[in-house]
Amino acid sequence: PFDIFSDAARKKVESLFPEAGNKIDKIISPFIGDVLSIKNIP
């Protein structure tokens, strides 16, 4: 389930910031953690 969520989160970030390209790699892990935390998920 985490991998499925991670794939969807990456696609979301890519759609929000299409100009970012490979830079997304540097923020995707903390982004995922923040988005989960907002919903009270570890």
Full PDB file with SEQRES, HELIX, SHEET, SSBOND, CRYST1, ORIGX, SCALE, CONECT and MASTER records, all heavy atoms in Angstrom:
SEQRES   1 A   42  PRO PHE ASP ILE PHE SER ASP ALA ALA ARG LYS LYS VAL          
SEQRES   2 A   42  GLU SER LEU PHE PRO GLU ALA GLY ASN LYS ILE ASP LYS          
SEQRES   3 A   42  ILE ILE SER PRO PHE ILE GLY ASP VAL LEU SER ILE LYS          
SEQRES   4 A   42  ASN ILE PRO                                                  
HELIX    1 AA1 PHE A    2  LEU A   16  1                                  15    
HELIX    2 AA2 PRO A   18  LYS A   26  5                                   9    
HELIX    3 AA3 ILE A   28  ILE A   38  1                                  11    
CRYST1    1.000    1.000    1.000  90.00  90.00  90.00 P 1           1          
ORIGX1      1.000000  0.000000  0.000000        0.00000                         
ORIGX2      0.000000  1.000000  0.000000        0.00000                         
ORIGX3      0.000000  0.000000  1.000000        0.00000                         
SCALE1      1.000000  0.000000  0.000000        0.00000                         
SCALE2      0.000000  1.000000  0.000000        0.00000                         
SCALE3      0.000000  0.000000  1.000000        0.00000                         
ATOM      1  N   PRO A   1       0.806  -1.222   0.000  1.00  0.00           N  
ATOM      2  CA  PRO A   1       0.000   0.000   0.000  1.00  0.00           C  
ATOM      3  C   PRO A   1       0.843   1.278   0.000  1.00  0.00           C  
ATOM      4  O   PRO A   1       0.515   2.237  -0.702  1.00  0.00           O  
ATOM      5  CB  PRO A   1      -0.840  -0.127   1.273  1.00  0.00           C  
ATOM      6  CG  PRO A   1      -1.011  -1.608   1.428  1.00  0.00           C  
ATOM      7  CD  PRO A   1       0.326  -2.181   1.002  1.00  0.00           C  
ATOM      8  N   PHE A   2       1.936   1.291   0.749  1.00  0.00           N  
ATOM      9  CA  PHE A   2       2.785   2.481   0.761  1.00  0.00           C  
ATOM     10  C   PHE A   2       3.358   2.768  -0.619  1.00  0.00           C  
ATOM     11  O   PHE A   2       3.439   3.932  -1.036  1.00  0.00           O  
ATOM     12  CB  PHE A   2       3.926   2.354   1.780  1.00  0.00           C  
ATOM     13  CG  PHE A   2       4.856   3.539   1.747  1.00  0.00           C  
ATOM     14  CD1 PHE A   2       4.494   4.727   2.360  1.00  0.00           C  
ATOM     15  CD2 PHE A   2       6.062   3.478   1.071  1.00  0.00           C  
ATOM     16  CE1 PHE A   2       5.339   5.831   2.308  1.00  0.00           C  
ATOM     17  CE2 PHE A   2       6.902   4.575   1.015  1.00  0.00           C  
ATOM     18  CZ  PHE A   2       6.538   5.761   1.641  1.00  0.00           C  
ATOM     19  N   ASP A   3       3.763   1.735  -1.330  1.00  0.00           N  
ATOM     20  CA  ASP A   3       4.324   1.919  -2.676  1.00  0.00           C  
ATOM     21  C   ASP A   3       3.276   2.470  -3.644  1.00  0.00           C  
ATOM     22  O   ASP A   3       3.581   3.334  -4.471  1.00  0.00           O  
ATOM     23  CB  ASP A   3       4.888   0.604  -3.212  1.00  0.00           C  
ATOM     24  CG  ASP A   3       6.052   0.098  -2.382  1.00  0.00           C  
ATOM     25  OD1 ASP A   3       6.818   0.927  -1.850  1.00  0.00           O  
ATOM     26  OD2 ASP A   3       6.190  -1.132  -2.252  1.00  0.00           O  
ATOM     27  N   ILE A   4       2.060   1.981  -3.517  1.00  0.00           N  
ATOM     28  CA  ILE A   4       0.972   2.481  -4.354  1.00  0.00           C  
ATOM     29  C   ILE A   4       0.724   3.957  -4.049  1.00  0.00           C  
ATOM     30  O   ILE A   4       0.584   4.784  -4.954  1.00  0.00           O  
ATOM     31  CB  ILE A   4      -0.306   1.645  -4.134  1.00  0.00           C  
ATOM     32  CG1 ILE A   4      -0.074   0.204  -4.591  1.00  0.00           C  
ATOM     33  CG2 ILE A   4      -1.493   2.258  -4.871  1.00  0.00           C  
ATOM     34  CD1 ILE A   4      -1.130  -0.779  -4.121  1.00  0.00           C  
ATOM     35  N   PHE A   5       0.708   4.289  -2.746  1.00  0.00           N  
ATOM     36  CA  PHE A   5       0.529   5.688  -2.346  1.00  0.00           C  
ATOM     37  C   PHE A   5       1.685   6.551  -2.855  1.00  0.00           C  
ATOM     38  O   PHE A   5       1.467   7.648  -3.374  1.00  0.00           O  
ATOM     39  CB  PHE A   5       0.405   5.819  -0.824  1.00  0.00           C  
ATOM     40  CG  PHE A   5       0.309   7.245  -0.386  1.00  0.00           C  
ATOM     41  CD1 PHE A   5      -0.887   7.939  -0.502  1.00  0.00           C  
ATOM     42  CD2 PHE A   5       1.417   7.921   0.083  1.00  0.00           C  
ATOM     43  CE1 PHE A   5      -0.978   9.279  -0.147  1.00  0.00           C  
ATOM     44  CE2 PHE A   5       1.342   9.254   0.449  1.00  0.00           C  
ATOM     45  CZ  PHE A   5       0.142   9.931   0.333  1.00  0.00           C  
ATOM     46  N   SER A   6       2.901   6.064  -2.708  1.00  0.00           N  
ATOM     47  CA  SER A   6       4.080   6.830  -3.154  1.00  0.00           C  
ATOM     48  C   SER A   6       4.031   7.130  -4.640  1.00  0.00           C  
ATOM     49  O   SER A   6       4.350   8.243  -5.065  1.00  0.00           O  
ATOM     50  CB  SER A   6       5.364   6.063  -2.827  1.00  0.00           C  
ATOM     51  OG  SER A   6       5.532   5.946  -1.446  1.00  0.00           O  
ATOM     52  N   ASP A   7       3.634   6.134  -5.429  1.00  0.00           N  
ATOM     53  CA  ASP A   7       3.516   6.346  -6.878  1.00  0.00           C  
ATOM     54  C   ASP A   7       2.494   7.438  -7.183  1.00  0.00           C  
ATOM     55  O   ASP A   7       2.723   8.312  -8.026  1.00  0.00           O  
ATOM     56  CB  ASP A   7       3.112   5.053  -7.587  1.00  0.00           C  
ATOM     57  CG  ASP A   7       4.204   4.002  -7.582  1.00  0.00           C  
ATOM     58  OD1 ASP A   7       5.374   4.317  -7.257  1.00  0.00           O  
ATOM     59  OD2 ASP A   7       3.887   2.828  -7.894  1.00  0.00           O  
ATOM     60  N   ALA A   8       1.360   7.395  -6.479  1.00  0.00           N  
ATOM     61  CA  ALA A   8       0.315   8.401  -6.695  1.00  0.00           C  
ATOM     62  C   ALA A   8       0.777   9.782  -6.236  1.00  0.00           C  
ATOM     63  O   ALA A   8       0.491  10.787  -6.893  1.00  0.00           O  
ATOM     64  CB  ALA A   8      -0.955   7.999  -5.947  1.00  0.00           C  
ATOM     65  N   ALA A   9       1.503   9.827  -5.124  1.00  0.00           N  
ATOM     66  CA  ALA A   9       2.007  11.109  -4.622  1.00  0.00           C  
ATOM     67  C   ALA A   9       3.002  11.719  -5.613  1.00  0.00           C  
ATOM     68  O   ALA A   9       2.980  12.921  -5.875  1.00  0.00           O  
ATOM     69  CB  ALA A   9       2.657  10.929  -3.255  1.00  0.00           C  
ATOM     70  N   ARG A  10       3.860  10.894  -6.182  1.00  0.00           N  
ATOM     71  CA  ARG A  10       4.814  11.389  -7.181  1.00  0.00           C  
ATOM     72  C   ARG A  10       4.073  11.959  -8.386  1.00  0.00           C  
ATOM     73  O   ARG A  10       4.405  13.036  -8.874  1.00  0.00           O  
ATOM     74  CB  ARG A  10       5.769  10.282  -7.625  1.00  0.00           C  
ATOM     75  CG  ARG A  10       6.713  10.721  -8.746  1.00  0.00           C  
ATOM     76  CD  ARG A  10       7.701   9.656  -9.106  1.00  0.00           C  
ATOM     77  NE  ARG A  10       8.815   9.617  -8.192  1.00  0.00           N  
ATOM     78  CZ  ARG A  10       9.845  10.467  -8.205  1.00  0.00           C  
ATOM     79  NH1 ARG A  10       9.888  11.427  -9.089  1.00  0.00           N  
ATOM     80  NH2 ARG A  10      10.808  10.362  -7.342  1.00  0.00           N  
ATOM     81  N   LYS A  11       3.059  11.251  -8.856  1.00  0.00           N  
ATOM     82  CA  LYS A  11       2.276  11.751  -9.997  1.00  0.00           C  
ATOM     83  C   LYS A  11       1.594  13.068  -9.654  1.00  0.00           C  
ATOM     84  O   LYS A  11       1.520  13.980 -10.489  1.00  0.00           O  
ATOM     85  CB  LYS A  11       1.243  10.709 -10.430  1.00  0.00           C  
ATOM     86  CG  LYS A  11       1.854   9.541 -11.139  1.00  0.00           C  
ATOM     87  CD  LYS A  11       0.832   8.496 -11.508  1.00  0.00           C  
ATOM     88  CE  LYS A  11       1.547   7.292 -12.113  1.00  0.00           C  
ATOM     89  NZ  LYS A  11       0.704   6.131 -12.169  1.00  0.00           N  
ATOM     90  N   LYS A  12       1.120  13.192  -8.421  1.00  0.00           N  
ATOM     91  CA  LYS A  12       0.487  14.435  -7.981  1.00  0.00           C  
ATOM     92  C   LYS A  12       1.500  15.580  -8.010  1.00  0.00           C  
ATOM     93  O   LYS A  12       1.208  16.667  -8.528  1.00  0.00           O  
ATOM     94  CB  LYS A  12      -0.087  14.257  -6.566  1.00  0.00           C  
ATOM     95  CG  LYS A  12      -0.692  15.486  -5.963  1.00  0.00           C  
ATOM     96  CD  LYS A  12      -2.040  15.794  -6.563  1.00  0.00           C  
ATOM     97  CE  LYS A  12      -2.727  16.915  -5.811  1.00  0.00           C  
ATOM     98  NZ  LYS A  12      -4.109  17.094  -6.226  1.00  0.00           N  
ATOM     99  N   VAL A  13       2.688  15.345  -7.468  1.00  0.00           N  
ATOM    100  CA  VAL A  13       3.730  16.384  -7.458  1.00  0.00           C  
ATOM    101  C   VAL A  13       4.133  16.744  -8.886  1.00  0.00           C  
ATOM    102  O   VAL A  13       4.305  17.920  -9.209  1.00  0.00           O  
ATOM    103  CB  VAL A  13       4.950  15.932  -6.622  1.00  0.00           C  
ATOM    104  CG1 VAL A  13       6.117  16.885  -6.779  1.00  0.00           C  
ATOM    105  CG2 VAL A  13       4.567  15.805  -5.146  1.00  0.00           C  
ATOM    106  N   GLU A  14       4.263  15.748  -9.731  1.00  0.00           N  
ATOM    107  CA  GLU A  14       4.619  16.013 -11.136  1.00  0.00           C  
ATOM    108  C   GLU A  14       3.546  16.851 -11.828  1.00  0.00           C  
ATOM    109  O   GLU A  14       3.868  17.717 -12.644  1.00  0.00           O  
ATOM    110  CB  GLU A  14       4.823  14.689 -11.884  1.00  0.00           C  
ATOM    111  CG  GLU A  14       6.089  13.978 -11.476  1.00  0.00           C  
ATOM    112  CD  GLU A  14       6.200  12.566 -12.029  1.00  0.00           C  
ATOM    113  OE1 GLU A  14       5.187  12.017 -12.544  1.00  0.00           O  
ATOM    114  OE2 GLU A  14       7.295  11.985 -11.927  1.00  0.00           O  
ATOM    115  N   SER A  15       2.277  16.626 -11.475  1.00  0.00           N  
ATOM    116  CA  SER A  15       1.207  17.414 -12.092  1.00  0.00           C  
ATOM    117  C   SER A  15       1.152  18.830 -11.528  1.00  0.00           C  
ATOM    118  O   SER A  15       0.803  19.772 -12.233  1.00  0.00           O  
ATOM    119  CB  SER A  15      -0.143  16.723 -11.920  1.00  0.00           C  
ATOM    120  OG  SER A  15      -0.608  16.804 -10.593  1.00  0.00           O  
ATOM    121  N   LEU A  16       1.498  18.978 -10.262  1.00  0.00           N  
ATOM    122  CA  LEU A  16       1.500  20.306  -9.635  1.00  0.00           C  
ATOM    123  C   LEU A  16       2.685  21.155 -10.077  1.00  0.00           C  
ATOM    124  O   LEU A  16       2.574  22.370 -10.196  1.00  0.00           O  
ATOM    125  CB  LEU A  16       1.529  20.168  -8.105  1.00  0.00           C  
ATOM    126  CG  LEU A  16       0.282  19.605  -7.445  1.00  0.00           C  
ATOM    127  CD1 LEU A  16       0.559  19.267  -5.986  1.00  0.00           C  
ATOM    128  CD2 LEU A  16      -0.871  20.599  -7.558  1.00  0.00           C  
ATOM    129  N   PHE A  17       3.829  20.494 -10.290  1.00  0.00           N  
ATOM    130  CA  PHE A  17       5.066  21.192 -10.623  1.00  0.00           C  
ATOM    131  C   PHE A  17       5.722  20.562 -11.851  1.00  0.00           C  
ATOM    132  O   PHE A  17       6.815  19.999 -11.776  1.00  0.00           O  
ATOM    133  CB  PHE A  17       6.038  21.154  -9.434  1.00  0.00           C  
ATOM    134  CG  PHE A  17       5.434  21.579  -8.131  1.00  0.00           C  
ATOM    135  CD1 PHE A  17       5.290  20.684  -7.085  1.00  0.00           C  
ATOM    136  CD2 PHE A  17       5.010  22.892  -7.931  1.00  0.00           C  
ATOM    137  CE1 PHE A  17       4.738  21.072  -5.868  1.00  0.00           C  
ATOM    138  CE2 PHE A  17       4.457  23.288  -6.722  1.00  0.00           C  
ATOM    139  CZ  PHE A  17       4.318  22.370  -5.690  1.00  0.00           C  
ATOM    140  N   PRO A  18       5.070  20.641 -13.008  1.00  0.00           N  
ATOM    141  CA  PRO A  18       5.597  19.959 -14.195  1.00  0.00           C  
ATOM    142  C   PRO A  18       6.968  20.471 -14.638  1.00  0.00           C  
ATOM    143  O   PRO A  18       7.732  19.727 -15.257  1.00  0.00           O  
ATOM    144  CB  PRO A  18       4.532  20.232 -15.263  1.00  0.00           C  
ATOM    145  CG  PRO A  18       3.767  21.406 -14.773  1.00  0.00           C  
ATOM    146  CD  PRO A  18       3.841  21.381 -13.284  1.00  0.00           C  
ATOM    147  N   GLU A  19       7.276  21.695 -14.294  1.00  0.00           N  
ATOM    148  CA  GLU A  19       8.566  22.264 -14.699  1.00  0.00           C  
ATOM    149  C   GLU A  19       9.731  21.753 -13.847  1.00  0.00           C  
ATOM    150  O   GLU A  19      10.894  21.990 -14.168  1.00  0.00           O  
ATOM    151  CB  GLU A  19       8.499  23.795 -14.627  1.00  0.00           C  
ATOM    152  CG  GLU A  19       8.419  24.387 -13.227  1.00  0.00           C  
ATOM    153  CD  GLU A  19       7.085  24.207 -12.500  1.00  0.00           C  
ATOM    154  OE1 GLU A  19       6.077  23.829 -13.107  1.00  0.00           O  
ATOM    155  OE2 GLU A  19       7.060  24.447 -11.278  1.00  0.00           O  
ATOM    156  N   ALA A  20       9.447  21.037 -12.775  1.00  0.00           N  
ATOM    157  CA  ALA A  20      10.483  20.617 -11.832  1.00  0.00           C  
ATOM    158  C   ALA A  20      11.348  19.474 -12.356  1.00  0.00           C  
ATOM    159  O   ALA A  20      12.501  19.352 -11.965  1.00  0.00           O  
ATOM    160  CB  ALA A  20       9.853  20.225 -10.506  1.00  0.00           C  
ATOM    161  N   GLY A  21      10.797  18.640 -13.207  1.00  0.00           N  
ATOM    162  CA  GLY A  21      11.579  17.532 -13.760  1.00  0.00           C  
ATOM    163  C   GLY A  21      12.156  16.631 -12.686  1.00  0.00           C  
ATOM    164  O   GLY A  21      11.476  16.238 -11.740  1.00  0.00           O  
ATOM    165  N   ASN A  22      13.453  16.325 -12.808  1.00  0.00           N  
ATOM    166  CA  ASN A  22      14.125  15.424 -11.871  1.00  0.00           C  
ATOM    167  C   ASN A  22      14.326  16.013 -10.482  1.00  0.00           C  
ATOM    168  O   ASN A  22      14.691  15.289  -9.562  1.00  0.00           O  
ATOM    169  CB  ASN A  22      15.469  14.978 -12.435  1.00  0.00           C  
ATOM    170  CG  ASN A  22      15.306  14.033 -13.599  1.00  0.00           C  
ATOM    171  OD1 ASN A  22      14.261  13.396 -13.755  1.00  0.00           O  
ATOM    172  ND2 ASN A  22      16.321  13.949 -14.436  1.00  0.00           N  
ATOM    173  N   LYS A  23      14.109  17.312 -10.333  1.00  0.00           N  
ATOM    174  CA  LYS A  23      14.244  17.925  -9.007  1.00  0.00           C  
ATOM    175  C   LYS A  23      13.252  17.337  -8.008  1.00  0.00           C  
ATOM    176  O   LYS A  23      13.446  17.419  -6.813  1.00  0.00           O  
ATOM    177  CB  LYS A  23      14.037  19.440  -9.085  1.00  0.00           C  
ATOM    178  CG  LYS A  23      15.156  20.197  -9.744  1.00  0.00           C  
ATOM    179  CD  LYS A  23      14.822  21.675  -9.680  1.00  0.00           C  
ATOM    180  CE  LYS A  23      15.893  22.533 -10.263  1.00  0.00           C  
ATOM    181  NZ  LYS A  23      15.527  23.968 -10.141  1.00  0.00           N  
ATOM    182  N   ILE A  24      12.187  16.755  -8.524  1.00  0.00           N  
ATOM    183  CA  ILE A  24      11.163  16.155  -7.658  1.00  0.00           C  
ATOM    184  C   ILE A  24      11.786  15.092  -6.754  1.00  0.00           C  
ATOM    185  O   ILE A  24      11.364  14.924  -5.613  1.00  0.00           O  
ATOM    186  CB  ILE A  24      10.006  15.583  -8.496  1.00  0.00           C  
ATOM    187  CG1 ILE A  24       9.197  16.755  -9.077  1.00  0.00           C  
ATOM    188  CG2 ILE A  24       9.118  14.655  -7.672  1.00  0.00           C  
ATOM    189  CD1 ILE A  24       8.146  16.362 -10.080  1.00  0.00           C  
ATOM    190  N   ASP A  25      12.814  14.412  -7.249  1.00  0.00           N  
ATOM    191  CA  ASP A  25      13.465  13.370  -6.453  1.00  0.00           C  
ATOM    192  C   ASP A  25      13.935  13.884  -5.100  1.00  0.00           C  
ATOM    193  O   ASP A  25      13.922  13.146  -4.120  1.00  0.00           O  
ATOM    194  CB  ASP A  25      14.653  12.775  -7.203  1.00  0.00           C  
ATOM    195  CG  ASP A  25      14.224  11.966  -8.419  1.00  0.00           C  
ATOM    196  OD1 ASP A  25      13.043  11.558  -8.483  1.00  0.00           O  
ATOM    197  OD2 ASP A  25      15.072  11.745  -9.308  1.00  0.00           O  
ATOM    198  N   LYS A  26      14.355  15.151  -5.038  1.00  0.00           N  
ATOM    199  CA  LYS A  26      14.902  15.668  -3.776  1.00  0.00           C  
ATOM    200  C   LYS A  26      13.824  16.033  -2.754  1.00  0.00           C  
ATOM    201  O   LYS A  26      14.129  16.182  -1.583  1.00  0.00           O  
ATOM    202  CB  LYS A  26      15.835  16.854  -4.026  1.00  0.00           C  
ATOM    203  CG  LYS A  26      15.167  18.157  -4.346  1.00  0.00           C  
ATOM    204  CD  LYS A  26      16.198  19.285  -4.505  1.00  0.00           C  
ATOM    205  CE  LYS A  26      15.522  20.628  -4.631  1.00  0.00           C  
ATOM    206  NZ  LYS A  26      16.447  21.723  -4.671  1.00  0.00           N  
ATOM    207  N   ILE A  27      12.578  16.131  -3.175  1.00  0.00           N  
ATOM    208  CA  ILE A  27      11.527  16.533  -2.227  1.00  0.00           C  
ATOM    209  C   ILE A  27      10.443  15.487  -2.017  1.00  0.00           C  
ATOM    210  O   ILE A  27       9.617  15.626  -1.117  1.00  0.00           O  
ATOM    211  CB  ILE A  27      10.854  17.868  -2.649  1.00  0.00           C  
ATOM    212  CG1 ILE A  27      10.174  17.761  -4.027  1.00  0.00           C  
ATOM    213  CG2 ILE A  27      11.839  19.013  -2.624  1.00  0.00           C  
ATOM    214  CD1 ILE A  27       8.691  17.866  -3.958  1.00  0.00           C  
ATOM    215  N   ILE A  28      10.431  14.420  -2.816  1.00  0.00           N  
ATOM    216  CA  ILE A  28       9.294  13.507  -2.766  1.00  0.00           C  
ATOM    217  C   ILE A  28       9.153  12.804  -1.415  1.00  0.00           C  
ATOM    218  O   ILE A  28       8.039  12.679  -0.896  1.00  0.00           O  
ATOM    219  CB  ILE A  28       9.296  12.510  -3.950  1.00  0.00           C  
ATOM    220  CG1 ILE A  28       7.941  11.830  -4.081  1.00  0.00           C  
ATOM    221  CG2 ILE A  28      10.424  11.512  -3.839  1.00  0.00           C  
ATOM    222  CD1 ILE A  28       6.792  12.726  -4.392  1.00  0.00           C  
ATOM    223  N   SER A  29      10.235  12.349  -0.818  1.00  0.00           N  
ATOM    224  CA  SER A  29      10.128  11.651   0.474  1.00  0.00           C  
ATOM    225  C   SER A  29       9.583  12.552   1.576  1.00  0.00           C  
ATOM    226  O   SER A  29       8.641  12.165   2.272  1.00  0.00           O  
ATOM    227  CB  SER A  29      11.469  11.048   0.883  1.00  0.00           C  
ATOM    228  OG  SER A  29      11.775   9.973   0.027  1.00  0.00           O  
ATOM    229  N   PRO A  30      10.142  13.756   1.764  1.00  0.00           N  
ATOM    230  CA  PRO A  30       9.563  14.612   2.798  1.00  0.00           C  
ATOM    231  C   PRO A  30       8.138  15.053   2.462  1.00  0.00           C  
ATOM    232  O   PRO A  30       7.302  15.192   3.360  1.00  0.00           O  
ATOM    233  CB  PRO A  30      10.510  15.798   2.911  1.00  0.00           C  
ATOM    234  CG  PRO A  30      11.433  15.719   1.753  1.00  0.00           C  
ATOM    235  CD  PRO A  30      11.380  14.329   1.219  1.00  0.00           C  
ATOM    236  N   PHE A  31       7.840  15.250   1.185  1.00  0.00           N  
ATOM    237  CA  PHE A  31       6.485  15.607   0.777  1.00  0.00           C  
ATOM    238  C   PHE A  31       5.502  14.507   1.198  1.00  0.00           C  
ATOM    239  O   PHE A  31       4.453  14.782   1.782  1.00  0.00           O  
ATOM    240  CB  PHE A  31       6.422  15.828  -0.737  1.00  0.00           C  
ATOM    241  CG  PHE A  31       5.032  16.100  -1.256  1.00  0.00           C  
ATOM    242  CD1 PHE A  31       4.514  17.383  -1.236  1.00  0.00           C  
ATOM    243  CD2 PHE A  31       4.245  15.070  -1.760  1.00  0.00           C  
ATOM    244  CE1 PHE A  31       3.226  17.647  -1.711  1.00  0.00           C  
ATOM    245  CE2 PHE A  31       2.957  15.315  -2.235  1.00  0.00           C  
ATOM    246  CZ  PHE A  31       2.446  16.604  -2.202  1.00  0.00           C  
ATOM    247  N   ILE A  32       5.846  13.269   0.906  1.00  0.00           N  
ATOM    248  CA  ILE A  32       4.996  12.145   1.283  1.00  0.00           C  
ATOM    249  C   ILE A  32       4.788  12.121   2.796  1.00  0.00           C  
ATOM    250  O   ILE A  32       3.662  11.968   3.275  1.00  0.00           O  
ATOM    251  CB  ILE A  32       5.589  10.814   0.770  1.00  0.00           C  
ATOM    252  CG1 ILE A  32       5.446  10.740  -0.747  1.00  0.00           C  
ATOM    253  CG2 ILE A  32       4.941   9.617   1.457  1.00  0.00           C  
ATOM    254  CD1 ILE A  32       6.215   9.602  -1.397  1.00  0.00           C  
ATOM    255  N   GLY A  33       5.870  12.288   3.549  1.00  0.00           N  
ATOM    256  CA  GLY A  33       5.760  12.299   5.004  1.00  0.00           C  
ATOM    257  C   GLY A  33       4.856  13.404   5.507  1.00  0.00           C  
ATOM    258  O   GLY A  33       4.018  13.185   6.400  1.00  0.00           O  
ATOM    259  N   ASP A  34       4.984  14.589   4.936  1.00  0.00           N  
ATOM    260  CA  ASP A  34       4.144  15.718   5.348  1.00  0.00           C  
ATOM    261  C   ASP A  34       2.679  15.489   5.029  1.00  0.00           C  
ATOM    262  O   ASP A  34       1.803  15.747   5.857  1.00  0.00           O  
ATOM    263  CB  ASP A  34       4.614  17.023   4.683  1.00  0.00           C  
ATOM    264  CG  ASP A  34       5.876  17.587   5.304  1.00  0.00           C  
ATOM    265  OD1 ASP A  34       6.274  17.138   6.392  1.00  0.00           O  
ATOM    266  OD2 ASP A  34       6.462  18.494   4.686  1.00  0.00           O  
ATOM    267  N   VAL A  35       2.411  15.004   3.836  1.00  0.00           N  
ATOM    268  CA  VAL A  35       1.023  14.786   3.423  1.00  0.00           C  
ATOM    269  C   VAL A  35       0.366  13.708   4.286  1.00  0.00           C  
ATOM    270  O   VAL A  35      -0.788  13.834   4.681  1.00  0.00           O  
ATOM    271  CB  VAL A  35       0.955  14.440   1.917  1.00  0.00           C  
ATOM    272  CG1 VAL A  35      -0.426  13.994   1.507  1.00  0.00           C  
ATOM    273  CG2 VAL A  35       1.382  15.642   1.086  1.00  0.00           C  
ATOM    274  N   LEU A  36       1.105  12.662   4.605  1.00  0.00           N  
ATOM    275  CA  LEU A  36       0.564  11.630   5.493  1.00  0.00           C  
ATOM    276  C   LEU A  36       0.316  12.196   6.885  1.00  0.00           C  
ATOM    277  O   LEU A  36      -0.734  11.945   7.488  1.00  0.00           O  
ATOM    278  CB  LEU A  36       1.523  10.432   5.577  1.00  0.00           C  
ATOM    279  CG  LEU A  36       1.629   9.569   4.322  1.00  0.00           C  
ATOM    280  CD1 LEU A  36       2.753   8.562   4.476  1.00  0.00           C  
ATOM    281  CD2 LEU A  36       0.316   8.860   4.027  1.00  0.00           C  
ATOM    282  N   SER A  37       1.273  12.969   7.396  1.00  0.00           N  
ATOM    283  CA  SER A  37       1.152  13.525   8.748  1.00  0.00           C  
ATOM    284  C   SER A  37      -0.059  14.439   8.885  1.00  0.00           C  
ATOM    285  O   SER A  37      -0.706  14.462   9.936  1.00  0.00           O  
ATOM    286  CB  SER A  37       2.421  14.289   9.125  1.00  0.00           C  
ATOM    287  OG  SER A  37       3.500  13.397   9.227  1.00  0.00           O  
ATOM    288  N   ILE A  38      -0.365  15.183   7.839  1.00  0.00           N  
ATOM    289  CA  ILE A  38      -1.528  16.075   7.867  1.00  0.00           C  
ATOM    290  C   ILE A  38      -2.800  15.277   8.167  1.00  0.00           C  
ATOM    291  O   ILE A  38      -3.707  15.760   8.838  1.00  0.00           O  
ATOM    292  CB  ILE A  38      -1.670  16.830   6.521  1.00  0.00           C  
ATOM    293  CG1 ILE A  38      -0.564  17.849   6.373  1.00  0.00           C  
ATOM    294  CG2 ILE A  38      -3.035  17.490   6.396  1.00  0.00           C  
ATOM    295  CD1 ILE A  38      -0.440  18.407   4.967  1.00  0.00           C  
ATOM    296  N   LYS A  39      -2.852  14.050   7.683  1.00  0.00           N  
ATOM    297  CA  LYS A  39      -4.022  13.183   7.880  1.00  0.00           C  
ATOM    298  C   LYS A  39      -3.840  12.255   9.088  1.00  0.00           C  
ATOM    299  O   LYS A  39      -4.552  11.263   9.227  1.00  0.00           O  
ATOM    300  CB  LYS A  39      -4.297  12.355   6.625  1.00  0.00           C  
ATOM    301  CG  LYS A  39      -4.624  13.185   5.404  1.00  0.00           C  
ATOM    302  CD  LYS A  39      -5.924  13.952   5.564  1.00  0.00           C  
ATOM    303  CE  LYS A  39      -6.272  14.660   4.276  1.00  0.00           C  
ATOM    304  NZ  LYS A  39      -7.485  15.431   4.364  1.00  0.00           N  
ATOM    305  N   ASN A  40      -2.869  12.570   9.940  1.00  0.00           N  
ATOM    306  CA  ASN A  40      -2.598  11.783  11.151  1.00  0.00           C  
ATOM    307  C   ASN A  40      -2.216  10.334  10.863  1.00  0.00           C  
ATOM    308  O   ASN A  40      -2.552   9.421  11.619  1.00  0.00           O  
ATOM    309  CB  ASN A  40      -3.782  11.843  12.127  1.00  0.00           C  
ATOM    310  CG  ASN A  40      -4.020  13.244  12.618  1.00  0.00           C  
ATOM    311  OD1 ASN A  40      -3.086  13.947  12.991  1.00  0.00           O  
ATOM    312  ND2 ASN A  40      -5.264  13.668  12.609  1.00  0.00           N  
ATOM    313  N   ILE A  41      -1.518  10.141   9.758  1.00  0.00           N  
ATOM    314  CA  ILE A  41      -0.968   8.834   9.400  1.00  0.00           C  
ATOM    315  C   ILE A  41       0.542   8.941   9.611  1.00  0.00           C  
ATOM    316  O   ILE A  41       1.149   9.938   9.201  1.00  0.00           O  
ATOM    317  CB  ILE A  41      -1.287   8.488   7.928  1.00  0.00           C  
ATOM    318  CG1 ILE A  41      -2.806   8.414   7.726  1.00  0.00           C  
ATOM    319  CG2 ILE A  41      -0.616   7.179   7.524  1.00  0.00           C  
ATOM    320  CD1 ILE A  41      -3.226   8.292   6.283  1.00  0.00           C  
ATOM    321  N   PRO A  42       1.156   7.952  10.259  1.00  0.00           N  
ATOM    322  CA  PRO A  42       2.597   8.038  10.505  1.00  0.00           C  
ATOM    323  C   PRO A  42       3.384   8.290   9.219  1.00  0.00           C  
ATOM    324  O   PRO A  42       3.170   7.627   8.206  1.00  0.00           O  
ATOM    325  CB  PRO A  42       2.941   6.668  11.096  1.00  0.00           C  
ATOM    326  CG  PRO A  42       1.663   6.156  11.657  1.00  0.00           C  
ATOM    327  CD  PRO A  42       0.581   6.700  10.765  1.00  0.00           C  
TER     328      PRO A  42                                                      
MASTER        0    0    0    3    0    0    0    6  327    1    0    4          
END                                                                             
